[in-house]
Amino acid sequence: MVCVRKLLPLAAFAAVLVYAAPAPAQTIIDEWQSVKAPPAPEFKAVTVDPKTTALLVLDLIKQICTNERGPRCASSLPKVKNYLDEARARGLLVVYSLFPGLTVADILPEVAPKGNEPIITGELDKFEGSALDKILKDKGIKSVIIIGTKSNGAILYTATTAFIRGYQTILAVDAVSGTSPYIEQYVIYNFVSAPVVGGKVILTRNDMIKFSN
């Protein structure tokens, strides 16, 4: 009887521990349906020097940027054109990108290059295997404004590399498109929260970009 009396408090204590133990952490698989989107990021005003700033126009091609194949890209074209018109009026360097194997004829005519605006080719990261870095450095470029499509492809990887290579990197969110709102949202949020680049890539829109002269 004495042993039983001694064991009862221990058993009760063990029961309390079991009851108080936190539930096993769920994985994202378990939580997928309950995850809520974070608040929208803060969009920042930015002033750039036209002489040292380039506009990078990524992958706006006929094969993917149509109402049928890429409606979000197609609907972004008026904003893209606004950026192009402003950049050219201010004398910014404008650089286009294409997928390997394509030519200037594949770029949508309403946002196509003019004059001798350079065109580079590359896969996800438009710096990789192309002359992009040399083109920018030869022109004394220190800041890049990035617009275009495939937000989880060319936009994500090129903007990340531009920042790592030391360029002030500006993502013009209102002229960036993906295949769905979710894709666009998670890519933008990556530039808020990711290691190294989080909070350092400038997120902005057309009416918040000013020019120093």
N, C-alpha and C. Protein backbone atom coordinates (compact mmCIF):
# COMPACT_ATOMS: atom_id res chain seq x y z
N MET A 1 0.83 -1.20 0.00
CA MET A 1 0.00 0.00 0.00
C MET A 1 0.86 1.25 0.00
N VAL A 2 1.96 1.19 0.79
CA VAL A 2 2.86 2.35 0.83
C VAL A 2 3.42 2.67 -0.54
N CYS A 3 3.82 1.62 -1.27
CA CYS A 3 4.41 1.80 -2.61
C CYS A 3 3.39 2.42 -3.55
N VAL A 4 2.17 1.96 -3.43
CA VAL A 4 1.12 2.49 -4.30
C VAL A 4 0.91 3.97 -4.05
N ARG A 5 0.91 4.35 -2.72
CA ARG A 5 0.73 5.75 -2.37
C ARG A 5 1.87 6.62 -2.92
N LYS A 6 3.06 6.08 -2.92
CA LYS A 6 4.20 6.83 -3.45
C LYS A 6 4.11 6.98 -4.97
N LEU A 7 3.58 5.97 -5.61
CA LEU A 7 3.52 5.99 -7.08
C LEU A 7 2.41 6.90 -7.60
N LEU A 8 1.35 7.09 -6.82
CA LEU A 8 0.21 7.88 -7.31
C LEU A 8 0.61 9.32 -7.67
N PRO A 9 1.37 10.02 -6.83
CA PRO A 9 1.78 11.38 -7.22
C PRO A 9 2.61 11.41 -8.49
N LEU A 10 3.48 10.39 -8.63
CA LEU A 10 4.31 10.32 -9.84
C LEU A 10 3.44 10.12 -11.08
N ALA A 11 2.45 9.27 -10.94
CA ALA A 11 1.55 9.01 -12.08
C ALA A 11 0.78 10.26 -12.44
N ALA A 12 0.33 11.00 -11.40
CA ALA A 12 -0.41 12.23 -11.66
C ALA A 12 0.47 13.27 -12.34
N PHE A 13 1.74 13.35 -11.87
CA PHE A 13 2.68 14.30 -12.47
C PHE A 13 2.94 13.96 -13.93
N ALA A 14 3.09 12.68 -14.21
CA ALA A 14 3.31 12.23 -15.59
C ALA A 14 2.11 12.58 -16.47
N ALA A 15 0.91 12.44 -15.91
CA ALA A 15 -0.29 12.76 -16.67
C ALA A 15 -0.34 14.24 -17.02
N VAL A 16 0.09 15.09 -16.06
CA VAL A 16 0.13 16.53 -16.31
C VAL A 16 1.10 16.86 -17.43
N LEU A 17 2.28 16.21 -17.41
CA LEU A 17 3.27 16.45 -18.46
C LEU A 17 2.74 16.07 -19.83
N VAL A 18 2.07 14.92 -19.86
CA VAL A 18 1.51 14.47 -21.14
C VAL A 18 0.47 15.45 -21.63
N TYR A 19 -0.39 15.91 -20.72
CA TYR A 19 -1.46 16.84 -21.10
C TYR A 19 -0.89 18.18 -21.56
N ALA A 20 0.21 18.63 -20.90
CA ALA A 20 0.76 19.95 -21.21
C ALA A 20 1.70 19.95 -22.40
N ALA A 21 2.13 18.79 -22.84
CA ALA A 21 3.08 18.73 -23.95
C ALA A 21 2.47 19.33 -25.21
N PRO A 22 3.21 20.17 -25.92
CA PRO A 22 2.67 20.77 -27.14
C PRO A 22 2.45 19.72 -28.22
N ALA A 23 1.47 19.98 -29.05
CA ALA A 23 1.20 19.07 -30.16
C ALA A 23 2.38 19.09 -31.13
N PRO A 24 2.64 17.99 -31.78
CA PRO A 24 3.74 17.96 -32.76
C PRO A 24 3.56 19.05 -33.80
N ALA A 25 4.66 19.70 -34.18
CA ALA A 25 4.59 20.75 -35.18
C ALA A 25 4.08 20.20 -36.49
N GLN A 26 3.17 20.95 -37.12
CA GLN A 26 2.66 20.53 -38.42
C GLN A 26 3.64 20.93 -39.51
N THR A 27 3.57 20.23 -40.61
CA THR A 27 4.36 20.61 -41.77
C THR A 27 3.50 21.48 -42.68
N ILE A 28 4.13 22.07 -43.68
CA ILE A 28 3.39 22.91 -44.62
C ILE A 28 2.32 22.09 -45.34
N ILE A 29 2.55 20.79 -45.47
CA ILE A 29 1.53 19.94 -46.10
C ILE A 29 0.24 19.99 -45.29
N ASP A 30 0.38 19.91 -43.96
CA ASP A 30 -0.80 19.93 -43.10
C ASP A 30 -1.45 21.31 -43.05
N GLU A 31 -0.63 22.35 -43.16
CA GLU A 31 -1.11 23.71 -42.96
C GLU A 31 -1.51 24.43 -44.25
N TRP A 32 -1.34 23.77 -45.38
CA TRP A 32 -1.45 24.44 -46.68
C TRP A 32 -2.73 25.26 -46.81
N GLN A 33 -3.85 24.68 -46.46
CA GLN A 33 -5.13 25.35 -46.67
C GLN A 33 -5.36 26.51 -45.70
N SER A 34 -4.65 26.53 -44.59
CA SER A 34 -4.90 27.56 -43.58
C SER A 34 -3.89 28.72 -43.63
N VAL A 35 -2.89 28.62 -44.48
CA VAL A 35 -1.87 29.67 -44.55
C VAL A 35 -2.49 30.95 -45.12
N LYS A 36 -2.23 32.06 -44.46
CA LYS A 36 -2.74 33.35 -44.93
C LYS A 36 -1.60 34.17 -45.52
N ALA A 37 -1.91 34.91 -46.55
CA ALA A 37 -0.90 35.74 -47.19
C ALA A 37 -0.44 36.83 -46.22
N PRO A 38 0.85 37.18 -46.26
CA PRO A 38 1.34 38.28 -45.42
C PRO A 38 0.83 39.61 -45.95
N PRO A 39 0.95 40.66 -45.16
CA PRO A 39 0.54 41.98 -45.64
C PRO A 39 1.31 42.38 -46.90
N ALA A 40 0.70 43.24 -47.69
CA ALA A 40 1.38 43.74 -48.89
C ALA A 40 2.66 44.47 -48.49
N PRO A 41 3.72 44.36 -49.30
CA PRO A 41 4.96 45.06 -48.96
C PRO A 41 4.81 46.57 -49.11
N GLU A 42 5.74 47.27 -48.53
CA GLU A 42 5.77 48.73 -48.69
C GLU A 42 6.44 49.07 -50.01
N PHE A 43 5.76 49.83 -50.83
CA PHE A 43 6.36 50.28 -52.08
C PHE A 43 7.04 51.62 -51.84
N LYS A 44 8.24 51.75 -52.37
CA LYS A 44 9.08 52.89 -52.00
C LYS A 44 9.31 53.82 -53.19
N ALA A 45 9.31 55.11 -52.90
CA ALA A 45 9.72 56.09 -53.89
C ALA A 45 11.24 56.00 -54.07
N VAL A 46 11.68 56.19 -55.28
CA VAL A 46 13.12 56.11 -55.55
C VAL A 46 13.48 57.14 -56.61
N THR A 47 14.63 57.75 -56.43
CA THR A 47 15.15 58.70 -57.42
C THR A 47 16.40 58.12 -58.05
N VAL A 48 16.43 58.09 -59.38
CA VAL A 48 17.57 57.50 -60.08
C VAL A 48 18.21 58.52 -61.01
N ASP A 49 19.46 58.29 -61.29
CA ASP A 49 20.21 59.11 -62.24
C ASP A 49 20.08 58.46 -63.62
N PRO A 50 19.47 59.12 -64.60
CA PRO A 50 19.31 58.51 -65.92
C PRO A 50 20.62 58.06 -66.56
N LYS A 51 21.70 58.75 -66.24
CA LYS A 51 22.99 58.41 -66.87
C LYS A 51 23.56 57.09 -66.36
N THR A 52 23.15 56.69 -65.16
CA THR A 52 23.73 55.47 -64.58
C THR A 52 22.66 54.41 -64.29
N THR A 53 21.51 54.54 -64.94
CA THR A 53 20.41 53.60 -64.71
C THR A 53 19.99 52.94 -66.02
N ALA A 54 19.72 51.65 -65.96
CA ALA A 54 19.24 50.91 -67.13
C ALA A 54 17.88 50.30 -66.83
N LEU A 55 17.08 50.19 -67.87
CA LEU A 55 15.80 49.49 -67.79
C LEU A 55 15.98 48.12 -68.45
N LEU A 56 15.77 47.06 -67.68
CA LEU A 56 15.87 45.70 -68.21
C LEU A 56 14.47 45.20 -68.52
N VAL A 57 14.24 44.83 -69.76
CA VAL A 57 12.92 44.39 -70.24
C VAL A 57 13.03 42.89 -70.55
N LEU A 58 12.42 42.07 -69.71
CA LEU A 58 12.69 40.64 -69.75
C LEU A 58 11.57 39.81 -70.39
N ASP A 59 11.91 39.13 -71.49
CA ASP A 59 11.14 38.02 -72.06
C ASP A 59 9.71 38.35 -72.48
N LEU A 60 9.50 39.52 -73.02
CA LEU A 60 8.16 39.88 -73.50
C LEU A 60 8.01 39.41 -74.95
N ILE A 61 7.75 38.13 -75.10
CA ILE A 61 7.76 37.51 -76.42
C ILE A 61 6.37 37.01 -76.81
N LYS A 62 6.19 36.87 -78.12
CA LYS A 62 4.89 36.47 -78.66
C LYS A 62 4.47 35.08 -78.19
N GLN A 63 5.44 34.23 -77.93
CA GLN A 63 5.12 32.84 -77.57
C GLN A 63 4.45 32.72 -76.20
N ILE A 64 4.66 33.66 -75.30
CA ILE A 64 4.11 33.51 -73.96
C ILE A 64 3.28 34.69 -73.49
N CYS A 65 3.32 35.81 -74.18
CA CYS A 65 2.67 37.02 -73.69
C CYS A 65 1.48 37.38 -74.57
N THR A 66 0.45 36.54 -74.53
CA THR A 66 -0.78 36.79 -75.30
C THR A 66 -1.98 36.57 -74.38
N ASN A 67 -3.13 37.02 -74.82
CA ASN A 67 -4.34 36.83 -74.03
C ASN A 67 -4.64 35.35 -73.82
N GLU A 68 -4.24 34.51 -74.77
CA GLU A 68 -4.52 33.08 -74.65
C GLU A 68 -3.49 32.37 -73.78
N ARG A 69 -2.22 32.65 -73.97
CA ARG A 69 -1.17 31.91 -73.27
C ARG A 69 -0.68 32.60 -71.99
N GLY A 70 -0.77 33.90 -71.96
CA GLY A 70 -0.28 34.62 -70.78
C GLY A 70 -1.08 35.88 -70.57
N PRO A 71 -2.34 35.75 -70.14
CA PRO A 71 -3.20 36.94 -70.02
C PRO A 71 -2.68 37.98 -69.04
N ARG A 72 -2.01 37.56 -67.98
CA ARG A 72 -1.49 38.54 -67.02
C ARG A 72 -0.34 39.33 -67.66
N CYS A 73 0.46 38.67 -68.44
CA CYS A 73 1.52 39.37 -69.16
C CYS A 73 0.92 40.34 -70.17
N ALA A 74 -0.07 39.88 -70.93
CA ALA A 74 -0.70 40.74 -71.94
C ALA A 74 -1.31 41.98 -71.31
N SER A 75 -1.93 41.81 -70.14
CA SER A 75 -2.58 42.95 -69.50
C SER A 75 -1.56 43.93 -68.90
N SER A 76 -0.31 43.49 -68.72
CA SER A 76 0.72 44.37 -68.17
C SER A 76 1.37 45.26 -69.23
N LEU A 77 1.09 45.02 -70.50
CA LEU A 77 1.81 45.71 -71.57
C LEU A 77 1.64 47.24 -71.55
N PRO A 78 0.45 47.79 -71.24
CA PRO A 78 0.37 49.25 -71.15
C PRO A 78 1.32 49.84 -70.11
N LYS A 79 1.47 49.16 -68.96
CA LYS A 79 2.41 49.63 -67.94
C LYS A 79 3.85 49.52 -68.45
N VAL A 80 4.15 48.41 -69.11
CA VAL A 80 5.49 48.23 -69.68
C VAL A 80 5.80 49.37 -70.65
N LYS A 81 4.83 49.69 -71.49
CA LYS A 81 5.04 50.76 -72.46
C LYS A 81 5.28 52.10 -71.76
N ASN A 82 4.57 52.35 -70.66
CA ASN A 82 4.81 53.58 -69.90
C ASN A 82 6.27 53.68 -69.45
N TYR A 83 6.79 52.56 -68.94
CA TYR A 83 8.18 52.54 -68.49
C TYR A 83 9.13 52.77 -69.66
N LEU A 84 8.85 52.13 -70.78
CA LEU A 84 9.71 52.29 -71.95
C LEU A 84 9.70 53.73 -72.44
N ASP A 85 8.52 54.31 -72.55
CA ASP A 85 8.42 55.70 -73.03
C ASP A 85 9.19 56.65 -72.12
N GLU A 86 9.02 56.47 -70.81
CA GLU A 86 9.71 57.34 -69.85
C GLU A 86 11.22 57.12 -69.90
N ALA A 87 11.63 55.86 -69.97
CA ALA A 87 13.06 55.56 -70.00
C ALA A 87 13.72 56.18 -71.22
N ARG A 88 13.08 56.02 -72.37
CA ARG A 88 13.66 56.57 -73.59
C ARG A 88 13.67 58.10 -73.56
N ALA A 89 12.61 58.69 -73.04
CA ALA A 89 12.56 60.15 -72.96
C ALA A 89 13.65 60.70 -72.05
N ARG A 90 14.00 59.93 -71.02
CA ARG A 90 15.02 60.37 -70.06
C ARG A 90 16.43 59.94 -70.45
N GLY A 91 16.55 59.15 -71.50
CA GLY A 91 17.86 58.74 -71.97
C GLY A 91 18.46 57.54 -71.25
N LEU A 92 17.62 56.72 -70.59
CA LEU A 92 18.13 55.51 -69.93
C LEU A 92 18.57 54.49 -70.97
N LEU A 93 19.55 53.71 -70.62
CA LEU A 93 19.90 52.53 -71.40
C LEU A 93 18.77 51.51 -71.25
N VAL A 94 18.27 50.98 -72.36
CA VAL A 94 17.23 49.95 -72.34
C VAL A 94 17.83 48.67 -72.89
N VAL A 95 17.72 47.59 -72.13
CA VAL A 95 18.27 46.29 -72.54
C VAL A 95 17.15 45.25 -72.52
N TYR A 96 17.07 44.48 -73.58
CA TYR A 96 16.05 43.43 -73.71
C TYR A 96 16.66 42.06 -73.50
N SER A 97 15.83 41.12 -73.06
CA SER A 97 16.28 39.73 -72.99
C SER A 97 15.34 38.82 -73.75
N LEU A 98 15.91 37.73 -74.24
CA LEU A 98 15.18 36.68 -74.95
C LEU A 98 15.65 35.33 -74.46
N PHE A 99 14.83 34.31 -74.71
CA PHE A 99 15.28 32.94 -74.51
C PHE A 99 16.25 32.57 -75.63
N PRO A 100 17.20 31.68 -75.37
CA PRO A 100 18.09 31.22 -76.45
C PRO A 100 17.30 30.66 -77.63
N GLY A 101 17.76 30.99 -78.81
CA GLY A 101 17.11 30.50 -80.02
C GLY A 101 16.08 31.44 -80.61
N LEU A 102 15.71 32.49 -79.88
CA LEU A 102 14.74 33.45 -80.39
C LEU A 102 15.45 34.67 -80.95
N THR A 103 14.70 35.49 -81.69
CA THR A 103 15.27 36.69 -82.30
C THR A 103 14.40 37.88 -81.94
N VAL A 104 14.84 39.06 -82.36
CA VAL A 104 14.10 40.29 -82.08
C VAL A 104 12.68 40.22 -82.64
N ALA A 105 12.49 39.44 -83.69
CA ALA A 105 11.15 39.31 -84.29
C ALA A 105 10.16 38.65 -83.35
N ASP A 106 10.67 37.96 -82.32
CA ASP A 106 9.79 37.29 -81.36
C ASP A 106 9.28 38.23 -80.26
N ILE A 107 9.87 39.40 -80.15
CA ILE A 107 9.43 40.37 -79.13
C ILE A 107 8.14 41.02 -79.61
N LEU A 108 7.20 41.22 -78.70
CA LEU A 108 5.93 41.84 -79.06
C LEU A 108 6.16 43.22 -79.68
N PRO A 109 5.55 43.49 -80.81
CA PRO A 109 5.86 44.74 -81.53
C PRO A 109 5.55 46.00 -80.74
N GLU A 110 4.52 45.98 -79.88
CA GLU A 110 4.17 47.20 -79.15
C GLU A 110 5.19 47.58 -78.09
N VAL A 111 6.07 46.64 -77.72
CA VAL A 111 7.11 46.95 -76.72
C VAL A 111 8.49 46.53 -77.25
N ALA A 112 8.66 46.54 -78.55
CA ALA A 112 9.89 46.06 -79.18
C ALA A 112 11.02 47.07 -79.05
N PRO A 113 12.26 46.61 -79.21
CA PRO A 113 13.41 47.52 -79.16
C PRO A 113 13.37 48.57 -80.27
N LYS A 114 14.02 49.69 -79.99
CA LYS A 114 14.16 50.74 -80.98
C LYS A 114 15.64 51.06 -81.15
N GLY A 115 16.00 51.45 -82.37
CA GLY A 115 17.38 51.84 -82.62
C GLY A 115 18.34 50.69 -82.33
N ASN A 116 19.38 51.00 -81.58
CA ASN A 116 20.42 49.99 -81.28
C ASN A 116 20.33 49.48 -79.85
N GLU A 117 19.14 49.47 -79.26
CA GLU A 117 18.99 48.95 -77.91
C GLU A 117 19.43 47.49 -77.87
N PRO A 118 20.34 47.13 -76.97
CA PRO A 118 20.92 45.78 -76.97
C PRO A 118 19.91 44.71 -76.56
N ILE A 119 20.13 43.52 -77.10
CA ILE A 119 19.31 42.35 -76.77
C ILE A 119 20.26 41.23 -76.36
N ILE A 120 20.02 40.64 -75.19
CA ILE A 120 20.84 39.52 -74.74
C ILE A 120 19.94 38.28 -74.61
N THR A 121 20.56 37.12 -74.60
CA THR A 121 19.80 35.88 -74.45
C THR A 121 20.29 35.13 -73.21
N GLY A 122 19.36 34.45 -72.58
CA GLY A 122 19.69 33.66 -71.40
C GLY A 122 18.47 32.90 -70.92
N GLU A 123 18.71 31.98 -70.02
CA GLU A 123 17.60 31.19 -69.47
C GLU A 123 16.97 31.95 -68.31
N LEU A 124 17.10 31.46 -67.09
CA LEU A 124 16.46 32.10 -65.95
C LEU A 124 17.20 33.38 -65.54
N ASP A 125 18.49 33.25 -65.26
CA ASP A 125 19.32 34.37 -64.87
C ASP A 125 19.91 34.98 -66.14
N LYS A 126 19.49 36.18 -66.47
CA LYS A 126 19.92 36.78 -67.74
C LYS A 126 21.37 37.25 -67.72
N PHE A 127 21.99 37.24 -66.55
CA PHE A 127 23.43 37.52 -66.49
C PHE A 127 24.25 36.31 -66.89
N GLU A 128 23.73 35.13 -66.58
CA GLU A 128 24.49 33.89 -66.79
C GLU A 128 24.68 33.63 -68.28
N GLY A 129 25.93 33.55 -68.71
CA GLY A 129 26.25 33.20 -70.09
C GLY A 129 25.95 34.27 -71.11
N SER A 130 25.68 35.51 -70.66
CA SER A 130 25.38 36.59 -71.60
C SER A 130 26.35 37.75 -71.38
N ALA A 131 26.20 38.76 -72.23
CA ALA A 131 27.06 39.95 -72.11
C ALA A 131 26.40 41.03 -71.26
N LEU A 132 25.35 40.70 -70.52
CA LEU A 132 24.60 41.72 -69.79
C LEU A 132 25.48 42.52 -68.83
N ASP A 133 26.26 41.85 -68.02
CA ASP A 133 27.09 42.57 -67.05
C ASP A 133 28.08 43.49 -67.75
N LYS A 134 28.67 43.04 -68.84
CA LYS A 134 29.63 43.87 -69.59
C LYS A 134 28.93 45.08 -70.20
N ILE A 135 27.74 44.88 -70.76
CA ILE A 135 26.98 45.99 -71.35
C ILE A 135 26.72 47.06 -70.30
N LEU A 136 26.30 46.62 -69.13
CA LEU A 136 25.98 47.58 -68.06
C LEU A 136 27.23 48.30 -67.56
N LYS A 137 28.29 47.56 -67.35
CA LYS A 137 29.52 48.16 -66.82
C LYS A 137 30.15 49.11 -67.85
N ASP A 138 30.10 48.73 -69.11
CA ASP A 138 30.67 49.59 -70.15
C ASP A 138 29.96 50.93 -70.24
N LYS A 139 28.69 50.95 -69.86
CA LYS A 139 27.90 52.19 -69.88
C LYS A 139 27.90 52.89 -68.52
N GLY A 140 28.64 52.36 -67.57
CA GLY A 140 28.70 52.99 -66.25
C GLY A 140 27.42 52.86 -65.45
N ILE A 141 26.66 51.81 -65.69
CA ILE A 141 25.38 51.61 -65.03
C ILE A 141 25.58 51.15 -63.58
N LYS A 142 24.84 51.78 -62.68
CA LYS A 142 24.90 51.43 -61.26
C LYS A 142 23.55 50.97 -60.71
N SER A 143 22.46 51.31 -61.42
CA SER A 143 21.12 50.93 -60.98
C SER A 143 20.38 50.28 -62.14
N VAL A 144 19.57 49.27 -61.83
CA VAL A 144 18.73 48.66 -62.86
C VAL A 144 17.28 48.64 -62.39
N ILE A 145 16.39 49.02 -63.31
CA ILE A 145 14.96 48.88 -63.10
C ILE A 145 14.52 47.67 -63.92
N ILE A 146 13.85 46.72 -63.28
CA ILE A 146 13.50 45.47 -63.95
C ILE A 146 12.01 45.38 -64.15
N ILE A 147 11.62 45.10 -65.42
CA ILE A 147 10.23 44.85 -65.77
C ILE A 147 10.17 43.64 -66.68
N GLY A 148 8.98 43.10 -66.91
CA GLY A 148 8.85 41.98 -67.82
C GLY A 148 8.02 40.86 -67.24
N THR A 149 8.24 39.67 -67.76
CA THR A 149 7.39 38.54 -67.38
C THR A 149 8.21 37.35 -66.90
N LYS A 150 7.44 36.30 -66.54
CA LYS A 150 7.98 35.12 -65.87
C LYS A 150 8.58 35.52 -64.53
N SER A 151 7.70 36.00 -63.64
CA SER A 151 8.17 36.52 -62.36
C SER A 151 8.95 35.49 -61.56
N ASN A 152 8.55 34.21 -61.65
CA ASN A 152 9.29 33.19 -60.90
C ASN A 152 10.44 32.60 -61.71
N GLY A 153 10.74 33.20 -62.83
CA GLY A 153 11.87 32.78 -63.66
C GLY A 153 12.84 33.93 -63.85
N ALA A 154 12.75 34.60 -65.00
CA ALA A 154 13.69 35.66 -65.33
C ALA A 154 13.70 36.78 -64.30
N ILE A 155 12.53 37.18 -63.82
CA ILE A 155 12.47 38.30 -62.88
C ILE A 155 13.18 37.94 -61.57
N LEU A 156 12.80 36.82 -60.98
CA LEU A 156 13.36 36.40 -59.69
C LEU A 156 14.87 36.23 -59.76
N TYR A 157 15.35 35.51 -60.76
CA TYR A 157 16.77 35.17 -60.80
C TYR A 157 17.62 36.34 -61.29
N THR A 158 17.13 37.10 -62.23
CA THR A 158 17.92 38.23 -62.72
C THR A 158 18.02 39.34 -61.69
N ALA A 159 16.92 39.62 -61.00
CA ALA A 159 16.96 40.65 -59.95
C ALA A 159 17.87 40.23 -58.81
N THR A 160 17.83 38.97 -58.44
CA THR A 160 18.71 38.49 -57.36
C THR A 160 20.17 38.64 -57.76
N THR A 161 20.50 38.24 -58.97
CA THR A 161 21.89 38.33 -59.41
C THR A 161 22.33 39.78 -59.56
N ALA A 162 21.44 40.63 -60.06
CA ALA A 162 21.79 42.05 -60.19
C ALA A 162 22.18 42.63 -58.84
N PHE A 163 21.41 42.30 -57.80
CA PHE A 163 21.73 42.79 -56.46
C PHE A 163 23.07 42.23 -55.98
N ILE A 164 23.27 40.94 -56.16
CA ILE A 164 24.51 40.31 -55.70
C ILE A 164 25.73 40.88 -56.43
N ARG A 165 25.54 41.28 -57.68
CA ARG A 165 26.64 41.86 -58.45
C ARG A 165 26.88 43.34 -58.12
N GLY A 166 26.09 43.89 -57.23
CA GLY A 166 26.35 45.23 -56.75
C GLY A 166 25.53 46.34 -57.37
N TYR A 167 24.56 46.02 -58.21
CA TYR A 167 23.70 47.04 -58.79
C TYR A 167 22.58 47.39 -57.80
N GLN A 168 22.25 48.67 -57.72
CA GLN A 168 21.02 49.02 -57.02
C GLN A 168 19.88 48.43 -57.84
N THR A 169 19.11 47.55 -57.24
CA THR A 169 18.12 46.78 -57.99
C THR A 169 16.72 47.25 -57.63
N ILE A 170 15.98 47.65 -58.66
CA ILE A 170 14.65 48.22 -58.49
C ILE A 170 13.66 47.36 -59.25
N LEU A 171 12.70 46.80 -58.55
CA LEU A 171 11.70 45.95 -59.19
C LEU A 171 10.42 46.77 -59.36
N ALA A 172 10.04 46.99 -60.60
CA ALA A 172 8.84 47.77 -60.91
C ALA A 172 7.65 46.81 -60.89
N VAL A 173 7.04 46.67 -59.74
CA VAL A 173 6.06 45.61 -59.50
C VAL A 173 4.85 45.71 -60.42
N ASP A 174 4.45 46.93 -60.78
CA ASP A 174 3.25 47.07 -61.61
C ASP A 174 3.51 46.70 -63.07
N ALA A 175 4.74 46.43 -63.44
CA ALA A 175 5.05 46.00 -64.80
C ALA A 175 5.76 44.65 -64.81
N VAL A 176 5.47 43.85 -63.78
CA VAL A 176 6.02 42.49 -63.67
C VAL A 176 4.84 41.52 -63.66
N SER A 177 4.94 40.46 -64.43
CA SER A 177 3.83 39.52 -64.51
C SER A 177 4.30 38.08 -64.35
N GLY A 178 3.36 37.24 -63.93
CA GLY A 178 3.60 35.81 -63.82
C GLY A 178 2.39 35.06 -64.35
N THR A 179 2.37 33.76 -64.09
CA THR A 179 1.27 32.96 -64.63
C THR A 179 0.02 33.01 -63.76
N SER A 180 0.15 33.54 -62.54
CA SER A 180 -1.01 33.63 -61.65
C SER A 180 -0.74 34.68 -60.58
N PRO A 181 -1.77 35.17 -59.90
CA PRO A 181 -1.54 36.11 -58.81
C PRO A 181 -0.67 35.52 -57.71
N TYR A 182 -0.85 34.24 -57.42
CA TYR A 182 -0.05 33.61 -56.36
C TYR A 182 1.43 33.61 -56.72
N ILE A 183 1.75 33.28 -57.96
CA ILE A 183 3.15 33.28 -58.39
C ILE A 183 3.74 34.67 -58.24
N GLU A 184 3.03 35.68 -58.70
CA GLU A 184 3.54 37.05 -58.58
C GLU A 184 3.72 37.44 -57.11
N GLN A 185 2.76 37.06 -56.29
CA GLN A 185 2.81 37.44 -54.87
C GLN A 185 4.00 36.80 -54.16
N TYR A 186 4.22 35.51 -54.38
CA TYR A 186 5.31 34.88 -53.63
C TYR A 186 6.67 35.38 -54.10
N VAL A 187 6.79 35.72 -55.38
CA VAL A 187 8.07 36.27 -55.85
C VAL A 187 8.32 37.64 -55.24
N ILE A 188 7.31 38.49 -55.20
CA ILE A 188 7.47 39.80 -54.59
C ILE A 188 7.79 39.65 -53.11
N TYR A 189 7.10 38.75 -52.43
CA TYR A 189 7.35 38.57 -51.00
C TYR A 189 8.76 38.02 -50.76
N ASN A 190 9.29 37.28 -51.70
CA ASN A 190 10.67 36.79 -51.58
C ASN A 190 11.63 37.96 -51.42
N PHE A 191 11.37 39.05 -52.12
CA PHE A 191 12.26 40.21 -52.03
C PHE A 191 12.02 41.03 -50.77
N VAL A 192 11.03 40.64 -50.00
CA VAL A 192 10.82 41.24 -48.68
C VAL A 192 11.53 40.43 -47.61
N SER A 193 11.51 39.11 -47.76
CA SER A 193 11.89 38.23 -46.64
C SER A 193 13.10 37.34 -46.87
N ALA A 194 13.57 37.20 -48.08
CA ALA A 194 14.64 36.24 -48.35
C ALA A 194 15.97 36.67 -47.73
N PRO A 195 16.83 35.72 -47.38
CA PRO A 195 18.17 36.08 -46.91
C PRO A 195 18.91 36.91 -47.97
N VAL A 196 19.75 37.78 -47.52
CA VAL A 196 20.63 38.63 -48.34
C VAL A 196 19.84 39.72 -49.07
N VAL A 197 18.87 39.34 -49.91
CA VAL A 197 18.19 40.35 -50.73
C VAL A 197 16.98 40.96 -50.04
N GLY A 198 16.45 40.29 -49.02
CA GLY A 198 15.22 40.75 -48.38
C GLY A 198 15.31 42.17 -47.86
N GLY A 199 14.40 43.02 -48.32
CA GLY A 199 14.39 44.41 -47.88
C GLY A 199 15.41 45.30 -48.55
N LYS A 200 16.22 44.74 -49.44
CA LYS A 200 17.28 45.52 -50.08
C LYS A 200 17.02 45.75 -51.57
N VAL A 201 16.30 44.85 -52.20
CA VAL A 201 15.80 45.11 -53.55
C VAL A 201 14.61 46.07 -53.40
N ILE A 202 14.64 47.17 -54.11
CA ILE A 202 13.60 48.20 -53.96
C ILE A 202 12.36 47.79 -54.74
N LEU A 203 11.23 47.74 -54.06
CA LEU A 203 9.94 47.44 -54.69
C LEU A 203 9.21 48.76 -54.91
N THR A 204 8.84 49.03 -56.16
CA THR A 204 8.23 50.32 -56.46
C THR A 204 7.23 50.18 -57.59
N ARG A 205 6.70 51.31 -58.03
CA ARG A 205 5.78 51.35 -59.18
C ARG A 205 6.08 52.62 -59.98
N ASN A 206 5.46 52.70 -61.14
CA ASN A 206 5.82 53.74 -62.11
C ASN A 206 5.73 55.15 -61.56
N ASP A 207 4.66 55.45 -60.83
CA ASP A 207 4.48 56.82 -60.37
C ASP A 207 5.35 57.18 -59.18
N MET A 208 6.17 56.22 -58.70
CA MET A 208 7.04 56.48 -57.55
C MET A 208 8.51 56.59 -57.97
N ILE A 209 8.79 56.49 -59.27
CA ILE A 209 10.17 56.60 -59.75
C ILE A 209 10.40 58.03 -60.24
N LYS A 210 11.38 58.68 -59.67
CA LYS A 210 11.77 60.03 -60.07
C LYS A 210 13.17 60.01 -60.66
N PHE A 211 13.48 61.06 -61.41
CA PHE A 211 14.79 61.16 -62.08
C PHE A 211 15.52 62.40 -61.60
N SER A 212 16.80 62.24 -61.40
CA SER A 212 17.58 63.31 -60.76
C SER A 212 17.78 64.51 -61.69
N ASN A 213 17.64 64.31 -62.98
CA ASN A 213 17.73 65.46 -63.90
C ASN A 213 17.03 65.13 -65.21
